[in-house]
C-alpha atoms as a PDB file:
ATOM      1  CA  UNK A   1     -66.011 122.611 -34.016  1.00  0.00           C
ATOM      2  CA  UNK A   2     -65.521 121.641 -37.405  1.00  0.00           C
ATOM      3  CA  UNK A   3     -67.568 120.813 -40.145  1.00  0.00           C
ATOM      4  CA  UNK A   4     -68.282 117.448 -41.210  1.00  0.00           C
ATOM      5  CA  UNK A   5     -68.696 116.530 -44.704  1.00  0.00           C
ATOM      6  CA  UNK A   6     -71.165 114.275 -45.779  1.00  0.00           C
ATOM      7  CA  UNK A   7     -69.784 110.444 -45.930  1.00  0.00           C
ATOM      8  CA  UNK A   8     -71.169 108.254 -48.475  1.00  0.00           C
ATOM      9  CA  UNK A   9     -74.787 107.355 -48.413  1.00  0.00           C
ATOM     10  CA  UNK A  10     -75.404 109.737 -45.932  1.00  0.00           C
ATOM     11  CA  UNK A  11     -78.790 112.038 -46.447  1.00  0.00           C
ATOM     12  CA  UNK A  12     -77.947 115.594 -45.434  1.00  0.00           C
ATOM     13  CA  UNK A  13     -81.209 117.885 -45.355  1.00  0.00           C
ATOM     14  CA  UNK A  14     -80.342 121.210 -47.804  1.00  0.00           C
ATOM     15  CA  UNK A  15     -81.959 123.533 -45.652  1.00  0.00           C
ATOM     16  CA  UNK A  16     -80.498 122.687 -42.607  1.00  0.00           C
ATOM     17  CA  UNK A  17     -77.321 121.899 -40.318  1.00  0.00           C
ATOM     18  CA  UNK A  18     -76.585 119.591 -37.846  1.00  0.00           C
ATOM     19  CA  UNK A  19     -74.125 122.118 -36.660  1.00  0.00           C
ATOM     20  CA  UNK A  20     -76.963 125.175 -36.879  1.00  0.00           C
ATOM     21  CA  UNK A  21     -80.577 125.630 -36.298  1.00  0.00           C
ATOM     22  CA  UNK A  22     -80.650 127.837 -39.178  1.00  0.00           C
ATOM     23  CA  UNK A  23     -79.222 127.350 -42.551  1.00  0.00           C
ATOM     24  CA  UNK A  24     -75.233 128.242 -42.687  1.00  0.00           C
ATOM     25  CA  UNK A  25     -72.725 127.998 -45.785  1.00  0.00           C
ATOM     26  CA  UNK A  26     -70.894 125.250 -46.123  1.00  0.00           C
ATOM     27  CA  UNK A  27     -69.334 122.436 -47.703  1.00  0.00           C
ATOM     28  CA  UNK A  28     -71.277 119.381 -47.724  1.00  0.00           C
ATOM     29  CA  UNK A  29     -68.997 117.233 -49.726  1.00  0.00           C
ATOM     30  CA  UNK A  30     -65.579 117.372 -50.527  1.00  0.00           C
ATOM     31  CA  UNK A  31     -63.579 114.974 -52.476  1.00  0.00           C
ATOM     32  CA  UNK A  32     -60.869 114.903 -54.987  1.00  0.00           C
ATOM     33  CA  UNK A  33     -63.421 115.072 -57.915  1.00  0.00           C
ATOM     34  CA  UNK A  34     -66.271 117.636 -56.797  1.00  0.00           C
ATOM     35  CA  UNK A  35     -66.903 119.678 -53.950  1.00  0.00           C
ATOM     36  CA  UNK A  36     -70.608 120.473 -52.649  1.00  0.00           C
ATOM     37  CA  UNK A  37     -71.519 123.729 -51.081  1.00  0.00           C
ATOM     38  CA  UNK A  38     -74.560 125.205 -49.229  1.00  0.00           C
ATOM     39  CA  UNK A  39     -74.351 128.992 -49.899  1.00  0.00           C
ATOM     40  CA  UNK A  40     -76.672 130.866 -47.670  1.00  0.00           C
ATOM     41  CA  UNK A  41     -76.791 134.527 -49.275  1.00  0.00           C
ATOM     42  CA  UNK A  42     -78.867 137.354 -47.244  1.00  0.00           C
ATOM     43  CA  UNK A  43     -80.430 139.909 -49.643  1.00  0.00           C
ATOM     44  CA  UNK A  44     -78.182 141.756 -50.971  1.00  0.00           C
ATOM     45  CA  UNK A  45     -75.088 140.145 -50.481  1.00  0.00           C
ATOM     46  CA  UNK A  46     -72.383 139.463 -53.408  1.00  0.00           C
ATOM     47  CA  UNK A  47     -70.040 136.983 -54.215  1.00  0.00           C
ATOM     48  CA  UNK A  48     -67.389 139.024 -56.384  1.00  0.00           C
ATOM     49  CA  UNK A  49     -66.726 138.205 -59.849  1.00  0.00           C
ATOM     50  CA  UNK A  50     -64.533 134.718 -59.816  1.00  0.00           C
ATOM     51  CA  UNK A  51     -63.881 131.663 -61.720  1.00  0.00           C
ATOM     52  CA  UNK A  52     -62.920 127.964 -60.752  1.00  0.00           C
ATOM     53  CA  UNK A  53     -60.839 125.724 -63.062  1.00  0.00           C
ATOM     54  CA  UNK A  54     -63.871 122.864 -63.654  1.00  0.00           C
ATOM     55  CA  UNK A  55     -67.302 123.229 -64.452  1.00  0.00           C
ATOM     56  CA  UNK A  56     -70.098 124.236 -61.730  1.00  0.00           C
ATOM     57  CA  UNK A  57     -73.538 123.620 -61.302  1.00  0.00           C
ATOM     58  CA  UNK A  58     -76.319 126.037 -59.460  1.00  0.00           C
ATOM     59  CA  UNK A  59     -79.131 124.951 -58.151  1.00  0.00           C
ATOM     60  CA  UNK A  60     -81.134 127.964 -56.562  1.00  0.00           C
ATOM     61  CA  UNK A  61     -83.173 126.143 -53.930  1.00  0.00           C
ATOM     62  CA  UNK A  62     -84.736 129.007 -52.018  1.00  0.00           C
ATOM     63  CA  UNK A  63     -84.864 132.843 -52.826  1.00  0.00           C
ATOM     64  CA  UNK A  64     -83.814 134.388 -55.918  1.00  0.00           C
ATOM     65  CA  UNK A  65     -79.971 135.682 -57.379  1.00  0.00           C
ATOM     66  CA  UNK A  66     -78.624 137.019 -59.825  1.00  0.00           C
ATOM     67  CA  UNK A  67     -75.865 135.434 -61.902  1.00  0.00           C
ATOM     68  CA  UNK A  68     -73.117 137.423 -63.932  1.00  0.00           C
ATOM     69  CA  UNK A  69     -71.785 134.920 -66.140  1.00  0.00           C
ATOM     70  CA  UNK A  70     -69.207 136.727 -68.846  1.00  0.00           C
ATOM     71  CA  UNK A  71     -71.702 139.734 -70.652  1.00  0.00           C
ATOM     72  CA  UNK A  72     -74.873 138.289 -69.342  1.00  0.00           C
ATOM     73  CA  UNK A  73     -76.853 138.815 -66.524  1.00  0.00           C
ATOM     74  CA  UNK A  74     -79.439 136.336 -65.318  1.00  0.00           C
ATOM     75  CA  UNK A  75     -82.189 135.677 -62.958  1.00  0.00           C
ATOM     76  CA  UNK A  76     -82.187 132.520 -61.017  1.00  0.00           C
ATOM     77  CA  UNK A  77     -85.579 131.752 -58.777  1.00  0.00           C
ATOM     78  CA  UNK A  78     -86.386 128.710 -56.276  1.00  0.00           C
ATOM     79  CA  UNK A  79     -85.782 125.439 -58.484  1.00  0.00           C
ATOM     80  CA  UNK A  80     -83.577 127.152 -61.228  1.00  0.00           C
ATOM     81  CA  UNK A  81     -80.246 125.506 -62.660  1.00  0.00           C
ATOM     82  CA  UNK A  82     -77.493 126.888 -64.474  1.00  0.00           C
ATOM     83  CA  UNK A  83     -74.336 124.990 -65.247  1.00  0.00           C
ATOM     84  CA  UNK A  84     -71.152 126.917 -66.251  1.00  0.00           C
ATOM     85  CA  UNK A  85     -68.261 125.782 -67.986  1.00  0.00           C
ATOM     86  CA  UNK A  86     -64.832 125.314 -66.430  1.00  0.00           C
ATOM     87  CA  UNK A  87     -62.957 128.943 -66.178  1.00  0.00           C
ATOM     88  CA  UNK A  88     -66.512 130.868 -66.632  1.00  0.00           C
ATOM     89  CA  UNK A  89     -65.994 134.452 -64.835  1.00  0.00           C
ATOM     90  CA  UNK A  90     -69.030 134.589 -62.984  1.00  0.00           C
ATOM     91  CA  UNK A  91     -70.795 136.757 -60.118  1.00  0.00           C
ATOM     92  CA  UNK A  92     -73.695 136.441 -57.658  1.00  0.00           C
ATOM     93  CA  UNK A  93     -75.839 138.856 -56.029  1.00  0.00           C
ATOM     94  CA  UNK A  94     -78.828 137.824 -53.767  1.00  0.00           C
ATOM     95  CA  UNK A  95     -81.822 139.708 -54.632  1.00  0.00           C
ATOM     96  CA  UNK A  96     -84.050 138.171 -51.779  1.00  0.00           C
ATOM     97  CA  UNK A  97     -82.408 135.953 -49.001  1.00  0.00           C
ATOM     98  CA  UNK A  98     -81.220 132.480 -50.738  1.00  0.00           C
ATOM     99  CA  UNK A  99     -80.006 129.155 -50.455  1.00  0.00           C
ATOM    100  CA  UNK A 100     -77.642 128.097 -53.453  1.00  0.00           C
ATOM    101  CA  UNK A 101     -76.657 124.882 -53.707  1.00  0.00           C
ATOM    102  CA  UNK A 102     -72.995 124.859 -55.582  1.00  0.00           C
ATOM    103  CA  UNK A 103     -71.030 121.976 -57.271  1.00  0.00           C
ATOM    104  CA  UNK A 104     -67.670 122.217 -58.436  1.00  0.00           C
ATOM    105  CA  UNK A 105     -66.078 119.292 -60.438  1.00  0.00           C
ATOM    106  CA  UNK A 106     -62.530 119.470 -60.225  1.00  0.00           C
ATOM    107  CA  UNK A 107     -59.976 119.018 -62.668  1.00  0.00           C
ATOM    108  CA  UNK A 108     -57.369 116.673 -62.230  1.00  0.00           C
ATOM    109  CA  UNK A 109     -53.655 117.589 -61.522  1.00  0.00           C
ATOM    110  CA  UNK A 110     -55.007 121.014 -60.205  1.00  0.00           C
END
């Protein structure tokens, strides 16, 4: 079954999914302007260095992650928020099991 994106005014639980009783990584909202993703990371998992065209936010909803942005490494814990400018090279590493809400602001024409 294909995962469904939330519709306008729909309530979405950040820790649960209609498709699974345990949290799974998935795009929650996808429009031409933004993409909102729930990223579920088991302790030790790494997202390799990458960059996206538009600015992004990372909201650590649960657990703890390390974020490398440029030459800086920072630890995010539950309820921490980070903003990254468009084009910023970054990588993630889960220190503990973690759930991160990622918002990507899409750049028109890309």
